[in-house]
Amino acid sequence: MPRELLIQGPDGQVNTIQLSGGRLAVGRSSAVELSFPEDAGLSRQHFAFEAQGDDWTVQDLGSKNGTFVNNIPLRAKLILKPNDRITAGHLTIVYAPDSKQADKGVVIFERDDEDTTSPTSSTLVTSLEGALSNQSMMLERGGAKASAPLQALLRAGQELSENRPLSELFPVILDLAIHAVNAQRGVLLILEGEELVAKAHKGEGFRISTAVRDRVIREKSSILVRDAQLDDAFKSRMSIVEQKVHTMMAAPLQTKDRIIGLIYLDSPFVLREFTKEDLSLLTVMANVAAIRVESVRLAEVEQAERILKRDLSQAAEIQRRILPETAPQVSGLELAGFNVPCRTVGGDYYGFVTYPSGRVGLALGDVSGKGMPAALMVMQFEARFRALVEETEQPANLVIRLNKITCANCPSNRFITFFFGVLDPRTGRLSFANAGHNPPIVVRTSGEVEMLDGGGPVLGVLSIAPYSEQETQLAAGDLLVVYSDGVTEAGNTVEEEYGEQRLIEVLRSRRADSPNAIVSAVMESLNRFTLGAPQADDITLVVAKRAAQP
């Protein structure tokens, strides 16, 4: 079975090499297989790995400063076991590190049965304020000790200043954190609602204690466990991670006023333990990174909002074009149409159709829902309506065909109410079909009111639904008003609805006016009633008035 060596050299960098051949010698000499000429603590030929059957051994070669396995001086050839730690000079080598993942997922949070976050001899806890104070003291001291964290922070500042999308920023932040404290693995998690979601990771199968997670997120604390194998809270069960982690840190991604996530770093093999200075550095870097993440996230949200606003504006313009700019001029009739969506785009539709026979079609539909989904359905519906309406002047026949097409194409949670009538201006005969829409109102010149009740179910629910055709007669001066429920269901600040009766009173009082004047009167009354309350639904009106015959 192939074996590996995990080697941390004098420069602090970690490399992995494959054990191959029968022997690998280590020392300062250029003649050995693993040469470290700048490590003054090594002899020219210091120690060697040798294959022995399926195993590997290590043997000191008479070095001056000695070779140590698991901190015990090596006196004779020793058969190595996985995760044995060999030290010599400034080298630390782990033999055959166990790379089995605890889980195929990136992170699993495990509940603790006991307190694992109380400070012990191996555990440190700090805050952003404490970390900033510690970093300031380190930087003020100057010299070599200050150079490492200073260089890490300068590199972080340079890398994070570049313009990157969030998807590219998260891996950069994690890489900066791992490099700054010389960790071997890590994961960056961002809060999305109440859930922490991994956005970047090096390694997999992290099993993080819920106690550690909650303390980092809720108390804005950074936590360091120098050696989990020695810490009483972890050595018996390793709930922090089930991959023989020796040293780990977790720090909050903290902006000025809130926590947006956390960074977790660990080293499964004791090449070096994390220090108090590492914890402070990670905490400060996490703060700098969090501020940058929030800045980029805000910029992306603003950009998305600008794009959405532009798209909605264009969609509203398209939708306006499918509605009539003006009502058609028809001898013997006065017509008016009006629509105002409650959002940029709406789910109401109205239209007029002039037939070669001289008759006029009046259509008004209301798609369930509001906003962009409803607007898209309106545009689809208008196209189908226009394709079918030229083929027939029989309202029930048209509605039956529209319903079948709508059922085949409409999402299960959507439907359309629809009224279509065909009015002959010469005779005043109105034939109509209603698919679940509000009953239109006829106001006679005498002030008498007729509600055009009856009809079938809404479109898009039952493909074999029956729709009957009904008729009424308009005399000269009679008024027909078709409206959407955005009129009658409009509410005021005390949650009262405008209702049919108020609408009828306005229509009756203004029945002698032109259709355009009647639309204006209805909207004026509606605005007075709803003063101070936001518009909750699209408002649409179609008004037809039969003129006296010359």
Protein backbone atom coordinates (compact mmCIF):
# COMPACT_ATOMS: atom_id res chain seq x y z
CA MET A 1 0.00 0.00 0.00
CA PRO A 2 1.51 3.40 -0.96
CA ARG A 3 2.64 5.57 1.93
CA GLU A 4 3.17 9.33 2.15
CA LEU A 5 5.22 11.73 4.18
CA LEU A 6 3.82 15.11 5.24
CA ILE A 7 6.85 17.37 5.64
CA GLN A 8 7.11 20.83 7.19
CA GLY A 9 10.47 22.29 6.26
CA PRO A 10 12.56 25.00 7.90
CA ASP A 11 10.67 27.65 5.89
CA GLY A 12 7.38 26.58 7.46
CA GLN A 13 5.89 25.32 4.20
CA VAL A 14 4.18 21.93 4.12
CA ASN A 15 4.68 19.41 1.32
CA THR A 16 3.57 15.85 0.70
CA ILE A 17 5.80 13.27 -0.96
CA GLN A 18 5.22 9.65 -1.88
CA LEU A 19 7.44 7.02 -0.27
CA SER A 20 8.94 5.00 -3.10
CA GLY A 21 11.93 2.77 -3.71
CA GLY A 22 13.54 0.99 -0.83
CA ARG A 23 15.26 3.85 1.01
CA LEU A 24 15.06 7.63 1.48
CA ALA A 25 17.79 9.36 3.44
CA VAL A 26 17.34 12.82 4.99
CA GLY A 27 20.06 15.40 5.74
CA ARG A 28 22.00 18.48 4.57
CA SER A 29 24.03 16.62 1.95
CA SER A 30 23.10 16.94 -1.70
CA ALA A 31 23.71 13.20 -2.02
CA VAL A 32 20.64 12.22 0.06
CA GLU A 33 17.17 11.80 -1.41
CA LEU A 34 15.60 14.47 0.84
CA SER A 35 18.10 17.29 1.08
CA PHE A 36 17.70 20.39 3.26
CA PRO A 37 21.07 22.16 2.93
CA GLU A 38 19.99 25.29 4.83
CA ASP A 39 18.87 23.45 7.98
CA ALA A 40 21.88 23.81 10.28
CA GLY A 41 20.26 21.49 12.84
CA LEU A 42 20.64 18.51 10.51
CA SER A 43 23.70 16.39 9.99
CA ARG A 44 24.86 15.72 6.42
CA GLN A 45 23.19 12.31 6.58
CA HIS A 46 20.85 12.52 9.54
CA PHE A 47 18.29 9.70 9.33
CA ALA A 48 16.72 7.37 6.76
CA PHE A 49 13.43 5.69 5.88
CA GLU A 50 13.73 2.09 4.72
CA ALA A 51 11.13 -0.35 3.41
CA GLN A 52 10.69 -3.56 5.38
CA GLY A 53 8.11 -5.82 3.78
CA ASP A 54 4.82 -3.94 3.78
CA ASP A 55 6.10 -1.53 6.44
CA TRP A 56 8.53 1.36 6.58
CA THR A 57 11.15 1.94 9.25
CA VAL A 58 13.13 4.96 10.40
CA GLN A 59 16.73 4.86 11.68
CA ASP A 60 19.08 7.55 12.96
CA LEU A 61 22.37 7.64 11.00
CA GLY A 62 24.57 8.74 13.87
CA SER A 63 23.43 12.35 13.75
CA LYS A 64 24.87 15.00 16.05
CA ASN A 65 21.56 16.39 17.35
CA GLY A 66 19.51 13.21 17.29
CA THR A 67 16.21 12.11 15.72
CA PHE A 68 12.92 12.00 17.65
CA VAL A 69 9.75 9.97 17.06
CA ASN A 70 6.72 11.28 18.90
CA ASN A 71 9.14 13.35 21.06
CA ILE A 72 11.09 10.23 22.10
CA PRO A 73 14.79 9.95 21.08
CA LEU A 74 15.29 7.33 18.37
CA ARG A 75 17.88 4.75 19.62
CA ALA A 76 17.36 1.94 17.10
CA LYS A 77 15.54 1.10 13.88
CA LEU A 78 11.80 1.55 14.45
CA ILE A 79 8.83 0.27 12.45
CA LEU A 80 6.61 3.28 11.82
CA LYS A 81 2.91 3.46 12.48
CA PRO A 82 0.47 5.79 10.68
CA ASN A 83 0.63 9.35 12.02
CA ASP A 84 3.99 8.85 13.78
CA ARG A 85 5.71 12.24 14.07
CA ILE A 86 9.44 12.45 13.30
CA THR A 87 11.42 15.57 14.24
CA ALA A 88 15.02 16.44 13.47
CA GLY A 89 16.71 19.83 13.19
CA HIS A 90 13.98 22.19 11.99
CA LEU A 91 12.04 19.42 10.23
CA THR A 92 8.74 17.90 11.28
CA ILE A 93 7.51 14.87 9.33
CA VAL A 94 4.30 12.89 9.74
CA TYR A 95 4.38 9.33 8.39
CA ALA A 96 1.37 7.95 6.46
CA PRO A 97 -1.16 10.59 7.53
CA ASP A 98 -4.67 9.14 7.73
CA SER A 99 -6.53 10.96 4.96
CA LYS A 100 -9.87 9.14 5.31
CA GLN A 101 -12.71 11.60 5.28
CA ALA A 102 -15.26 11.40 8.06
CA ASP A 103 -18.08 12.27 5.69
CA LYS A 104 -18.55 13.03 2.03
CA GLY A 105 -20.06 16.40 2.88
CA VAL A 106 -17.99 19.48 3.57
CA VAL A 107 -19.25 20.28 7.09
CA ILE A 108 -21.35 18.51 9.70
CA PHE A 109 -22.22 20.24 12.97
CA GLU A 110 -22.29 17.88 15.94
CA ARG A 111 -24.19 18.51 19.17
CA ASP A 112 -22.11 18.44 22.35
CA ASP A 113 -23.25 16.63 25.49
CA GLU A 114 -20.91 18.70 27.65
CA ASP A 115 -19.31 22.13 27.64
CA THR A 116 -16.39 22.09 25.23
CA THR A 117 -15.76 25.81 25.20
CA SER A 118 -14.70 26.51 28.78
CA PRO A 119 -11.06 27.69 28.70
CA THR A 120 -8.55 25.01 29.66
CA SER A 121 -4.79 24.85 29.54
CA SER A 122 -5.06 24.09 25.82
CA THR A 123 -7.94 26.42 24.89
CA LEU A 124 -7.89 30.18 24.30
CA VAL A 125 -10.81 32.51 23.64
CA THR A 126 -10.57 36.09 22.40
CA SER A 127 -12.69 38.81 20.82
CA LEU A 128 -12.12 41.26 17.98
CA GLU A 129 -11.21 43.99 20.49
CA GLY A 130 -8.71 41.70 22.19
CA ALA A 131 -7.26 40.58 18.89
CA LEU A 132 -6.82 44.17 17.68
CA SER A 133 -5.05 45.04 20.92
CA ASN A 134 -2.76 42.02 20.64
CA GLN A 135 -1.94 42.74 16.98
CA SER A 136 -1.20 46.37 17.80
CA MET A 137 1.30 45.33 20.49
CA MET A 138 2.93 42.85 18.13
CA LEU A 139 3.32 45.43 15.37
CA GLU A 140 4.64 48.05 17.78
CA ARG A 141 7.42 45.71 18.92
CA GLY A 142 8.90 45.68 15.42
CA GLY A 143 11.53 43.22 14.33
CA ALA A 144 11.10 39.74 12.90
CA LYS A 145 8.18 38.83 15.14
CA ALA A 146 6.08 41.67 13.79
CA SER A 147 6.96 41.03 10.17
CA ALA A 148 4.92 37.83 9.70
CA PRO A 149 1.51 39.15 10.82
CA LEU A 150 2.22 42.50 9.22
CA GLN A 151 3.04 40.85 5.91
CA ALA A 152 -0.08 38.69 6.18
CA LEU A 153 -2.28 41.72 6.80
CA LEU A 154 -0.64 43.68 3.98
CA ARG A 155 -1.16 40.76 1.61
CA ALA A 156 -4.78 40.48 2.73
CA GLY A 157 -5.32 44.17 2.13
CA GLN A 158 -3.83 43.94 -1.33
CA GLU A 159 -5.74 40.80 -2.35
CA LEU A 160 -9.07 41.96 -0.95
CA SER A 161 -8.82 45.37 -2.62
CA GLU A 162 -9.13 43.76 -6.06
CA ASN A 163 -12.53 43.77 -7.70
CA ARG A 164 -13.86 40.19 -7.49
CA PRO A 165 -17.36 38.71 -7.38
CA LEU A 166 -18.34 36.90 -4.18
CA SER A 167 -17.90 33.48 -5.79
CA GLU A 168 -14.21 34.28 -6.34
CA LEU A 169 -13.72 36.29 -3.14
CA PHE A 170 -14.56 33.46 -0.71
CA PRO A 171 -11.73 31.12 -1.84
CA VAL A 172 -9.26 34.04 -1.73
CA ILE A 173 -10.23 34.83 1.87
CA LEU A 174 -9.81 31.20 2.93
CA ASP A 175 -6.46 30.92 1.17
CA LEU A 176 -5.23 34.09 2.91
CA ALA A 177 -6.30 32.73 6.31
CA ILE A 178 -4.69 29.31 5.77
CA HIS A 179 -1.46 30.85 4.53
CA ALA A 180 -1.30 33.44 7.35
CA VAL A 181 -1.32 30.87 10.18
CA ASN A 182 0.11 27.92 8.18
CA ALA A 183 -2.98 25.75 8.65
CA GLN A 184 -3.49 22.58 6.64
CA ARG A 185 -7.26 22.65 6.17
CA GLY A 186 -10.08 25.11 6.48
CA VAL A 187 -13.63 26.06 5.59
CA LEU A 188 -15.38 29.41 5.23
CA LEU A 189 -19.07 29.45 6.10
CA ILE A 190 -21.59 32.24 5.49
CA LEU A 191 -24.90 32.72 7.30
CA GLU A 192 -27.87 32.44 4.95
CA GLY A 193 -30.86 33.04 7.17
CA GLU A 194 -30.28 30.78 10.17
CA GLU A 195 -28.09 28.30 8.29
CA LEU A 196 -24.32 28.30 7.84
CA VAL A 197 -23.41 27.44 4.26
CA ALA A 198 -19.90 26.46 3.13
CA LYS A 199 -18.68 28.88 0.44
CA ALA A 200 -15.04 27.77 0.21
CA HIS A 201 -13.11 24.85 1.66
CA LYS A 202 -9.77 23.11 1.56
CA GLY A 203 -10.37 19.56 2.68
CA GLU A 204 -13.71 17.89 3.43
CA GLY A 205 -15.54 16.03 6.17
CA PHE A 206 -15.29 18.80 8.79
CA ARG A 207 -17.23 17.87 11.92
CA ILE A 208 -17.56 21.04 13.96
CA SER A 209 -18.94 21.22 17.48
CA THR A 210 -22.24 23.08 17.79
CA ALA A 211 -20.90 24.61 21.03
CA VAL A 212 -17.95 26.08 19.15
CA ARG A 213 -20.19 27.24 16.31
CA ASP A 214 -22.69 28.89 18.65
CA ARG A 215 -20.04 30.61 20.72
CA VAL A 216 -18.39 32.05 17.62
CA ILE A 217 -21.67 33.23 16.09
CA ARG A 218 -23.62 34.31 19.17
CA GLU A 219 -20.85 35.62 21.42
CA LYS A 220 -18.56 36.97 18.68
CA SER A 221 -15.70 34.96 20.15
CA SER A 222 -12.67 33.41 18.48
CA ILE A 223 -11.56 30.03 19.82
CA LEU A 224 -8.21 28.26 19.71
CA VAL A 225 -7.55 24.68 20.82
CA ARG A 226 -3.78 24.27 20.79
CA ASP A 227 -3.78 20.48 21.06
CA ALA A 228 -7.11 18.69 21.10
CA GLN A 229 -5.34 15.41 21.92
CA LEU A 230 -4.28 16.89 25.27
CA ASP A 231 -7.35 19.01 25.99
CA ASP A 232 -9.68 17.34 28.50
CA ALA A 233 -12.71 18.64 26.63
CA PHE A 234 -11.79 16.93 23.36
CA LYS A 235 -9.34 14.08 23.80
CA SER A 236 -11.94 11.52 24.85
CA ARG A 237 -14.37 11.97 22.00
CA MET A 238 -13.05 14.51 19.48
CA SER A 239 -16.41 16.17 18.77
CA ILE A 240 -14.63 19.14 17.18
CA VAL A 241 -13.54 16.93 14.27
CA GLU A 242 -13.25 13.21 13.67
CA GLN A 243 -10.04 13.36 11.70
CA LYS A 244 -7.42 13.31 14.45
CA VAL A 245 -7.23 17.08 14.56
CA HIS A 246 -4.55 18.27 16.92
CA THR A 247 -4.90 22.03 16.69
CA MET A 248 -7.83 24.17 15.48
CA MET A 249 -9.17 27.71 15.42
CA ALA A 250 -12.52 29.31 14.63
CA ALA A 251 -13.11 33.04 14.20
CA PRO A 252 -16.25 35.04 13.37
CA LEU A 253 -16.61 36.94 10.11
CA GLN A 254 -17.61 40.08 11.95
CA THR A 255 -18.53 43.47 10.53
CA LYS A 256 -19.11 46.50 12.71
CA ASP A 257 -22.49 45.41 14.00
CA ARG A 258 -23.15 41.81 13.02
CA ILE A 259 -21.77 38.34 12.31
CA ILE A 260 -22.07 37.08 8.74
CA GLY A 261 -20.28 33.74 9.12
CA LEU A 262 -17.11 32.11 10.41
CA ILE A 263 -13.74 30.72 9.37
CA TYR A 264 -12.65 27.36 10.75
CA LEU A 265 -9.03 26.16 10.38
CA ASP A 266 -7.31 23.06 11.64
CA SER A 267 -4.23 20.90 11.27
CA PRO A 268 -4.80 17.15 11.59
CA PHE A 269 -1.09 16.58 12.16
CA VAL A 270 1.06 18.29 14.76
CA LEU A 271 3.60 19.99 12.55
CA ARG A 272 3.09 23.07 14.67
CA GLU A 273 0.46 24.22 17.14
CA PHE A 274 -1.54 27.36 16.55
CA THR A 275 -0.57 30.18 18.91
CA LYS A 276 -2.30 33.07 20.63
CA GLU A 277 -0.80 35.36 17.98
CA ASP A 278 -2.25 33.14 15.24
CA LEU A 279 -5.68 33.46 16.84
CA SER A 280 -5.41 37.24 17.01
CA LEU A 281 -4.21 37.42 13.41
CA LEU A 282 -7.04 35.19 12.17
CA THR A 283 -9.59 37.25 14.10
CA VAL A 284 -8.38 40.54 12.60
CA MET A 285 -8.18 39.06 9.09
CA ALA A 286 -11.71 37.66 9.46
CA ASN A 287 -12.94 41.14 10.39
CA VAL A 288 -11.23 42.71 7.37
CA ALA A 289 -12.61 39.96 5.13
CA ALA A 290 -16.16 40.31 6.50
CA ILE A 291 -16.19 44.03 5.77
CA ARG A 292 -15.05 43.32 2.22
CA VAL A 293 -17.66 40.57 1.77
CA GLU A 294 -20.44 42.90 2.92
CA SER A 295 -19.19 45.63 0.58
CA VAL A 296 -19.15 43.27 -2.41
CA ARG A 297 -22.48 41.74 -1.43
CA LEU A 298 -24.08 45.18 -1.18
CA ALA A 299 -22.63 46.15 -4.56
CA GLU A 300 -23.97 42.93 -6.12
CA VAL A 301 -27.41 43.49 -4.58
CA GLU A 302 -27.47 47.05 -5.88
CA GLN A 303 -26.40 45.86 -9.32
CA ALA A 304 -29.07 43.15 -9.30
CA GLU A 305 -31.65 45.74 -8.26
CA ARG A 306 -30.58 48.05 -11.08
CA ILE A 307 -30.87 45.19 -13.58
CA LEU A 308 -34.25 44.17 -12.16
CA LYS A 309 -35.49 47.76 -12.28
CA ARG A 310 -34.35 48.06 -15.89
CA ASP A 311 -35.93 44.73 -16.83
CA LEU A 312 -39.18 45.65 -15.08
CA SER A 313 -39.22 49.00 -16.87
CA GLN A 314 -38.78 47.27 -20.21
CA ALA A 315 -41.41 44.67 -19.30
CA ALA A 316 -43.83 47.44 -18.34
CA GLU A 317 -43.25 49.13 -21.70
CA ILE A 318 -43.90 45.84 -23.52
CA GLN A 319 -47.04 45.26 -21.47
CA ARG A 320 -48.31 48.78 -22.16
CA ARG A 321 -48.00 48.06 -25.86
CA ILE A 322 -50.35 45.05 -25.66
CA LEU A 323 -53.02 47.24 -24.06
CA PRO A 324 -54.96 49.68 -26.27
CA GLU A 325 -53.48 53.17 -26.43
CA THR A 326 -56.98 54.50 -27.05
CA ALA A 327 -60.38 52.95 -27.48
CA PRO A 328 -61.50 52.45 -31.09
CA GLN A 329 -63.87 54.90 -32.72
CA VAL A 330 -67.12 53.02 -33.45
CA SER A 331 -70.27 54.56 -34.83
CA GLY A 332 -73.06 54.29 -32.30
CA LEU A 333 -70.77 53.56 -29.33
CA GLU A 334 -68.55 55.46 -26.90
CA LEU A 335 -65.74 53.35 -25.45
CA ALA A 336 -63.05 53.81 -22.78
CA GLY A 337 -60.48 51.56 -21.16
CA PHE A 338 -58.22 52.11 -18.16
CA ASN A 339 -55.51 50.10 -16.37
CA VAL A 340 -53.10 50.85 -13.54
CA PRO A 341 -50.97 47.97 -12.14
CA CYS A 342 -50.23 47.87 -8.43
CA ARG A 343 -46.59 47.14 -9.31
CA THR A 344 -44.44 48.07 -12.28
CA VAL A 345 -46.13 45.32 -14.29
CA GLY A 346 -49.52 43.76 -13.66
CA GLY A 347 -51.78 40.79 -14.19
CA ASP A 348 -54.83 42.50 -15.71
CA TYR A 349 -55.64 42.64 -19.41
CA TYR A 350 -58.27 44.43 -21.43
CA GLY A 351 -58.84 44.85 -25.14
CA PHE A 352 -61.26 45.79 -27.91
CA VAL A 353 -61.98 43.88 -31.13
CA THR A 354 -63.72 45.42 -34.14
CA TYR A 355 -65.32 42.90 -36.49
CA PRO A 356 -66.08 43.43 -40.19
CA SER A 357 -69.75 43.04 -39.29
CA GLY A 358 -69.55 46.28 -37.26
CA ARG A 359 -69.87 44.49 -33.95
CA VAL A 360 -67.34 45.20 -31.17
CA GLY A 361 -65.71 42.70 -28.80
CA LEU A 362 -64.99 43.77 -25.20
CA ALA A 363 -62.47 41.70 -23.20
CA LEU A 364 -61.20 41.94 -19.62
CA GLY A 365 -59.11 39.30 -17.86
CA ASP A 366 -57.40 39.03 -14.49
CA VAL A 367 -54.51 36.60 -13.92
CA SER A 368 -54.13 35.32 -10.36
CA GLY A 369 -51.15 36.84 -8.59
CA LYS A 370 -49.22 40.01 -9.22
CA GLY A 371 -45.94 41.27 -10.59
CA MET A 372 -43.72 39.64 -13.21
CA PRO A 373 -45.19 36.08 -13.17
CA ALA A 374 -48.70 37.45 -13.70
CA ALA A 375 -47.45 39.86 -16.37
CA LEU A 376 -45.84 37.02 -18.33
CA MET A 377 -49.09 35.07 -18.22
CA VAL A 378 -50.97 38.15 -19.41
CA MET A 379 -48.73 38.42 -22.45
CA GLN A 380 -49.16 34.73 -23.24
CA PHE A 381 -52.92 35.01 -22.79
CA GLU A 382 -53.17 38.10 -25.01
CA ALA A 383 -51.36 36.29 -27.83
CA ARG A 384 -53.75 33.32 -27.62
CA PHE A 385 -56.77 35.58 -27.37
CA ARG A 386 -55.75 37.56 -30.47
CA ALA A 387 -55.10 34.35 -32.43
CA LEU A 388 -58.62 33.02 -31.69
CA VAL A 389 -60.81 36.08 -31.49
CA GLU A 390 -60.71 36.82 -35.22
CA GLU A 391 -62.17 33.38 -35.95
CA THR A 392 -65.47 33.77 -34.09
CA GLU A 393 -67.96 36.34 -32.88
CA GLN A 394 -69.50 33.81 -30.46
CA PRO A 395 -68.24 34.55 -26.90
CA ALA A 396 -68.91 31.09 -25.43
CA ASN A 397 -67.09 29.35 -28.28
CA LEU A 398 -64.07 31.62 -27.79
CA VAL A 399 -63.99 31.11 -24.01
CA ILE A 400 -64.22 27.31 -24.35
CA ARG A 401 -61.22 27.26 -26.69
CA LEU A 402 -59.24 29.68 -24.51
CA ASN A 403 -59.88 27.52 -21.46
CA LYS A 404 -58.55 24.37 -23.13
CA ILE A 405 -55.35 26.14 -24.23
CA THR A 406 -54.93 27.76 -20.80
CA CYS A 407 -55.36 24.43 -18.99
CA ALA A 408 -52.64 22.91 -21.18
CA ASN A 409 -50.16 25.72 -20.52
CA CYS A 410 -51.06 27.33 -17.18
CA PRO A 411 -49.13 26.39 -13.99
CA SER A 412 -51.23 24.44 -11.51
CA ASN A 413 -51.25 27.30 -9.00
CA ARG A 414 -52.44 29.93 -11.51
CA PHE A 415 -55.77 30.73 -13.15
CA ILE A 416 -57.44 33.53 -15.11
CA THR A 417 -60.82 35.16 -14.69
CA PHE A 418 -62.16 36.43 -18.01
CA PHE A 419 -65.16 38.24 -19.47
CA PHE A 420 -65.82 38.57 -23.18
CA GLY A 421 -68.81 40.25 -24.74
CA VAL A 422 -69.77 41.15 -28.33
CA LEU A 423 -71.92 44.28 -28.69
CA ASP A 424 -73.81 45.29 -31.80
CA PRO A 425 -74.00 49.12 -31.81
CA ARG A 426 -76.91 49.11 -34.28
CA THR A 427 -79.25 46.87 -32.32
CA GLY A 428 -77.80 47.15 -28.79
CA ARG A 429 -77.65 43.34 -28.51
CA LEU A 430 -74.88 42.18 -26.14
CA SER A 431 -73.92 38.49 -26.15
CA PHE A 432 -71.35 37.46 -23.54
CA ALA A 433 -69.60 34.65 -21.67
CA ASN A 434 -68.07 34.91 -18.22
CA ALA A 435 -65.28 32.68 -16.84
CA GLY A 436 -65.35 33.36 -13.14
CA HIS A 437 -65.02 37.12 -13.50
CA ASN A 438 -66.80 39.85 -11.50
CA PRO A 439 -70.33 40.36 -12.89
CA PRO A 440 -70.28 43.41 -15.20
CA ILE A 441 -72.73 46.21 -14.42
CA VAL A 442 -75.36 47.65 -16.79
CA VAL A 443 -76.76 51.04 -15.80
CA ARG A 444 -79.90 52.05 -17.64
CA THR A 445 -80.73 55.66 -18.50
CA SER A 446 -83.45 55.40 -15.86
CA GLY A 447 -80.86 54.61 -13.17
CA GLU A 448 -81.87 50.97 -12.98
CA VAL A 449 -78.91 48.61 -12.46
CA GLU A 450 -78.51 45.08 -13.87
CA MET A 451 -75.71 42.72 -12.80
CA LEU A 452 -74.69 40.34 -15.59
CA ASP A 453 -74.47 37.25 -13.40
CA GLY A 454 -73.84 33.69 -14.51
CA GLY A 455 -71.15 31.96 -16.48
CA GLY A 456 -68.61 29.19 -15.91
CA PRO A 457 -65.49 28.58 -13.82
CA VAL A 458 -62.17 30.41 -14.13
CA LEU A 459 -59.85 29.55 -17.02
CA GLY A 460 -57.02 27.09 -16.47
CA VAL A 461 -58.59 24.72 -13.94
CA LEU A 462 -60.94 22.28 -15.75
CA SER A 463 -60.32 21.69 -19.46
CA ILE A 464 -63.85 20.31 -20.11
CA ALA A 465 -65.65 23.09 -18.23
CA PRO A 466 -68.87 24.23 -19.94
CA TYR A 467 -69.43 27.91 -20.73
CA SER A 468 -72.86 29.24 -21.71
CA GLU A 469 -73.54 32.27 -23.84
CA GLN A 470 -75.96 34.84 -22.44
CA GLU A 471 -77.55 37.99 -23.80
CA THR A 472 -78.88 41.36 -22.73
CA GLN A 473 -80.07 44.45 -24.55
CA LEU A 474 -78.62 47.96 -24.30
CA ALA A 475 -80.90 50.84 -25.18
CA ALA A 476 -79.62 54.20 -26.33
CA GLY A 477 -77.77 55.87 -23.43
CA ASP A 478 -77.36 52.62 -21.45
CA LEU A 479 -73.99 51.99 -19.87
CA LEU A 480 -71.93 48.76 -19.61
CA VAL A 481 -69.02 48.66 -17.11
CA VAL A 482 -66.60 45.73 -16.85
CA TYR A 483 -64.06 45.92 -14.02
CA SER A 484 -61.41 43.85 -12.21
CA ASP A 485 -61.61 43.01 -8.52
CA GLY A 486 -58.86 45.55 -7.89
CA VAL A 487 -61.69 48.13 -7.97
CA THR A 488 -64.22 46.56 -5.62
CA GLU A 489 -61.66 44.96 -3.28
CA ALA A 490 -59.54 48.09 -2.85
CA GLY A 491 -59.09 48.73 0.88
CA ASN A 492 -58.69 51.79 3.05
CA THR A 493 -56.60 52.32 6.18
CA VAL A 494 -59.20 50.64 8.42
CA GLU A 495 -59.38 47.57 6.16
CA GLU A 496 -62.78 48.31 4.61
CA GLU A 497 -63.37 47.34 0.98
CA TYR A 498 -64.63 49.77 -1.63
CA GLY A 499 -67.26 47.25 -2.72
CA GLU A 500 -69.80 46.99 -5.51
CA GLN A 501 -72.30 49.36 -3.94
CA ARG A 502 -69.96 52.36 -3.91
CA LEU A 503 -69.04 51.62 -7.52
CA ILE A 504 -72.71 51.42 -8.52
CA GLU A 505 -73.48 54.72 -6.79
CA VAL A 506 -70.74 56.48 -8.79
CA LEU A 507 -71.91 54.90 -12.06
CA ARG A 508 -75.53 55.76 -11.43
CA SER A 509 -74.72 59.37 -10.52
CA ARG A 510 -72.47 59.85 -13.56
CA ARG A 511 -74.42 57.74 -16.08
CA ALA A 512 -75.04 60.74 -18.34
CA ASP A 513 -71.31 61.43 -18.71
CA SER A 514 -68.96 60.09 -21.37
CA PRO A 515 -67.12 56.80 -20.69
CA ASN A 516 -63.81 58.67 -20.16
CA ALA A 517 -65.46 60.99 -17.64
CA ILE A 518 -67.01 58.01 -15.88
CA VAL A 519 -63.58 56.30 -15.58
CA SER A 520 -62.18 59.52 -14.07
CA ALA A 521 -65.08 59.74 -11.61
CA VAL A 522 -64.60 56.12 -10.47
CA MET A 523 -60.86 56.64 -9.93
CA GLU A 524 -61.45 59.89 -8.04
CA SER A 525 -63.93 58.15 -5.74
CA LEU A 526 -61.59 55.20 -5.30
CA ASN A 527 -58.62 57.43 -4.44
CA ARG A 528 -60.64 59.33 -1.84
CA PHE A 529 -61.74 56.05 -0.25
CA THR A 530 -58.25 54.47 -0.13
CA LEU A 531 -56.37 57.65 0.83
CA GLY A 532 -53.22 56.63 2.72
CA ALA A 533 -53.54 52.90 1.92
CA PRO A 534 -51.23 51.29 -0.65
CA GLN A 535 -52.75 49.89 -3.84
CA ALA A 536 -53.05 46.15 -3.27
CA ASP A 537 -54.15 44.94 -6.70
CA ASP A 538 -54.25 45.93 -10.36
CA ILE A 539 -57.17 48.19 -11.32
CA THR A 540 -58.83 47.85 -14.75
CA LEU A 541 -62.03 49.29 -16.21
CA VAL A 542 -63.77 48.95 -19.59
CA VAL A 543 -66.76 51.24 -20.18
CA ALA A 544 -69.13 51.12 -23.19
CA LYS A 545 -72.05 53.46 -23.71
CA ARG A 546 -74.56 53.09 -26.51
CA ALA A 547 -75.23 56.35 -28.26
CA ALA A 548 -78.62 57.44 -29.50
CA GLN A 549 -79.22 56.57 -33.15
CA PRO A 550 -79.12 59.59 -35.52
